Protein backbone atom coordinates (compact mmCIF):
# COMPACT_ATOMS: atom_id res chain seq x y z
CA UNK A 1 -6.26 16.33 -3.02
CA UNK A 2 -3.02 16.71 -4.96
CA UNK A 3 -1.91 13.21 -5.88
CA UNK A 4 1.31 14.56 -7.37
CA UNK A 5 2.60 14.37 -3.79
CA UNK A 6 2.58 10.60 -3.94
CA UNK A 7 5.87 9.16 -5.24
CA UNK A 8 4.86 6.82 -8.00
CA UNK A 9 8.39 5.41 -8.05
CA UNK A 10 8.18 4.08 -4.46
CA UNK A 11 6.14 1.13 -3.30
CA UNK A 12 5.88 -0.23 0.24
CA UNK A 13 5.23 -3.92 1.18
CA UNK A 14 4.47 -4.57 4.83
CA UNK A 15 4.02 -8.20 5.84
CA UNK A 16 5.26 -10.13 8.87
CA UNK A 17 6.02 -13.19 6.72
CA UNK A 18 9.57 -12.85 5.27
CA UNK A 19 8.77 -15.27 2.44
CA UNK A 20 5.83 -13.19 1.32
CA UNK A 21 7.84 -9.98 1.61
CA UNK A 22 10.64 -11.41 -0.55
CA UNK A 23 8.24 -12.95 -3.06
CA UNK A 24 6.18 -9.76 -3.48
CA UNK A 25 9.40 -7.65 -3.75
CA UNK A 26 10.82 -9.99 -6.34
CA UNK A 27 7.62 -9.95 -8.40
CA UNK A 28 7.41 -6.15 -8.41
CA UNK A 29 11.12 -5.64 -9.05
CA UNK A 30 10.98 -8.03 -12.03
CA UNK A 31 7.86 -6.35 -13.51
CA UNK A 32 8.65 -2.71 -12.60
CA UNK A 33 12.38 -2.21 -12.50
CA UNK A 34 11.99 1.62 -12.18
CA UNK A 35 10.01 1.24 -8.94
CA UNK A 36 11.83 1.24 -5.61
CA UNK A 37 10.32 -1.41 -3.37
CA UNK A 38 10.77 -1.03 0.34
CA UNK A 39 9.72 -3.87 2.73
CA UNK A 40 8.81 -3.82 6.40
CA UNK A 41 8.03 -6.65 8.84
CA UNK A 42 5.32 -4.89 10.84
CA UNK A 43 3.06 -1.87 10.79
CA UNK A 44 5.09 0.27 13.18
CA UNK A 45 8.15 -0.06 10.93
CA UNK A 46 6.01 0.66 7.90
CA UNK A 47 4.72 3.97 9.41
CA UNK A 48 8.28 5.01 10.25
CA UNK A 49 9.41 4.12 6.72
CA UNK A 50 6.54 6.11 5.21
CA UNK A 51 7.66 9.19 7.18
CA UNK A 52 10.97 8.96 5.38
CA UNK A 53 9.40 8.89 1.94
CA UNK A 54 5.88 9.31 0.60
CA UNK A 55 5.27 5.99 -1.13
CA UNK A 56 2.69 6.00 -3.99
CA UNK A 57 1.29 2.53 -3.21
CA UNK A 58 1.17 0.50 -0.01
CA UNK A 59 0.80 -3.34 -0.01
CA UNK A 60 -0.32 -3.93 3.58
CA UNK A 61 -0.92 -7.24 5.36
CA UNK A 62 -3.85 -6.78 7.68
CA UNK A 63 -2.66 -9.19 10.39
CA UNK A 64 0.80 -8.42 11.76
CA UNK A 65 2.30 -8.35 15.24
CA UNK A 66 3.10 -5.06 17.03
CA UNK A 67 0.86 -3.05 14.73
CA UNK A 68 -1.59 -4.49 12.20
CA UNK A 69 -2.00 -3.17 8.67
CA UNK A 70 -5.21 -1.31 9.39
CA UNK A 71 -3.80 0.60 12.29
CA UNK A 72 -0.65 1.36 10.30
CA UNK A 73 -2.76 2.71 7.39
CA UNK A 74 -4.72 4.90 9.86
CA UNK A 75 -1.44 6.29 11.20
CA UNK A 76 -0.17 6.86 7.73
CA UNK A 77 -3.38 8.78 6.97
CA UNK A 78 -2.76 10.91 10.05
CA UNK A 79 0.85 11.58 8.92
CA UNK A 80 -0.50 12.73 5.57
CA UNK A 81 -3.19 14.98 7.03
CA UNK A 82 -0.67 16.61 9.37
CA UNK A 83 1.84 17.14 6.55
CA UNK A 84 -0.71 18.25 3.97
CA UNK A 85 0.11 15.18 1.85
CA UNK A 86 -2.07 13.00 -0.31
CA UNK A 87 -2.94 9.64 1.17
CA UNK A 88 -1.34 6.85 -0.89
CA UNK A 89 -3.33 3.97 -2.44
CA UNK A 90 -3.41 0.91 -0.30
CA UNK A 91 -3.70 -2.75 -1.26
CA UNK A 92 -4.77 -4.66 1.79
CA UNK A 93 -3.83 -8.34 1.79
CA UNK A 94 -5.30 -10.97 4.10
CA UNK A 95 -6.31 -14.59 4.32
CA UNK A 96 -9.06 -13.63 6.78
CA UNK A 97 -12.38 -11.83 6.46
CA UNK A 98 -12.02 -8.05 6.23
CA UNK A 99 -13.55 -6.13 9.11
CA UNK A 100 -16.07 -3.28 8.87
CA UNK A 101 -13.34 -0.58 9.04
CA UNK A 102 -11.57 -2.08 6.01
CA UNK A 103 -14.81 -2.26 4.09
CA UNK A 104 -15.46 1.41 5.06
CA UNK A 105 -12.10 2.41 3.67
CA UNK A 106 -12.67 0.45 0.44
CA UNK A 107 -16.18 1.79 -0.04
CA UNK A 108 -15.02 5.40 0.67
CA UNK A 109 -12.14 5.50 -1.85
CA UNK A 110 -11.83 3.32 -4.95
CA UNK A 111 -8.06 3.90 -5.07
CA UNK A 112 -7.81 1.24 -2.41
CA UNK A 113 -8.49 -2.52 -2.75
CA UNK A 114 -8.37 -5.85 -0.93
CA UNK A 115 -6.58 -8.97 -2.15
CA UNK A 116 -7.28 -12.36 -0.55
CA UNK A 117 -4.20 -14.52 0.18
CA UNK A 118 -2.87 -16.55 -1.46
CA UNK A 119 -2.20 -13.81 -4.03
CA UNK A 120 -0.89 -14.66 -7.46
CA UNK A 121 1.76 -12.59 -9.19
CA UNK A 122 -0.82 -11.55 -11.80
CA UNK A 123 -3.27 -10.40 -9.14
CA UNK A 124 -0.64 -8.45 -7.30
CA UNK A 125 0.70 -6.69 -10.39
CA UNK A 126 -2.80 -5.94 -11.71
CA UNK A 127 -3.69 -4.28 -8.40
CA UNK A 128 -0.48 -2.24 -8.30
CA UNK A 129 -0.76 -1.16 -11.94
CA UNK A 130 -4.36 -0.14 -11.39
CA UNK A 131 -3.45 1.94 -8.33
CA UNK A 132 -0.61 3.69 -10.21
CA UNK A 133 -2.94 4.26 -13.18
CA UNK A 134 -5.58 5.86 -10.94
CA UNK A 135 -2.87 8.14 -9.53
CA UNK A 136 -1.85 9.18 -13.07
CA UNK A 137 -5.50 9.78 -14.04
CA UNK A 138 -6.06 12.02 -10.97
CA UNK A 139 -2.81 13.94 -11.60
CA UNK A 140 -3.65 14.59 -15.22
CA UNK A 141 -7.14 15.76 -14.36
CA UNK A 142 -5.90 18.33 -11.78
């Protein structure tokens, strides 16, 4: 897998709660001014946004109306496979227990992680930095 195809300067935040979207966006923008943060209110909008630009990291709420974060991630994986693109790292966020499919994704690829809400700024930034670091490690080892 060629991780160079992931755009390390673009980050997606998908959450149906506008307060969380704005908070996460503000945290990332303050800590990483060279990263473009795009926010989406549901999974369907996130999939469409991803088609416009190959984000390096996705911060995805698992419980959203219209399309949840897991289904959105699955559709983004399909977009990547169809286009010959690398699948971006995902940080799933939830206040609920993660289902078996999420655990399967996490166990199958250490580039992904799960954060339990409420999420602190330090937890969010550590998870994002780690995902970006793993991308850089994989690119340099290619």
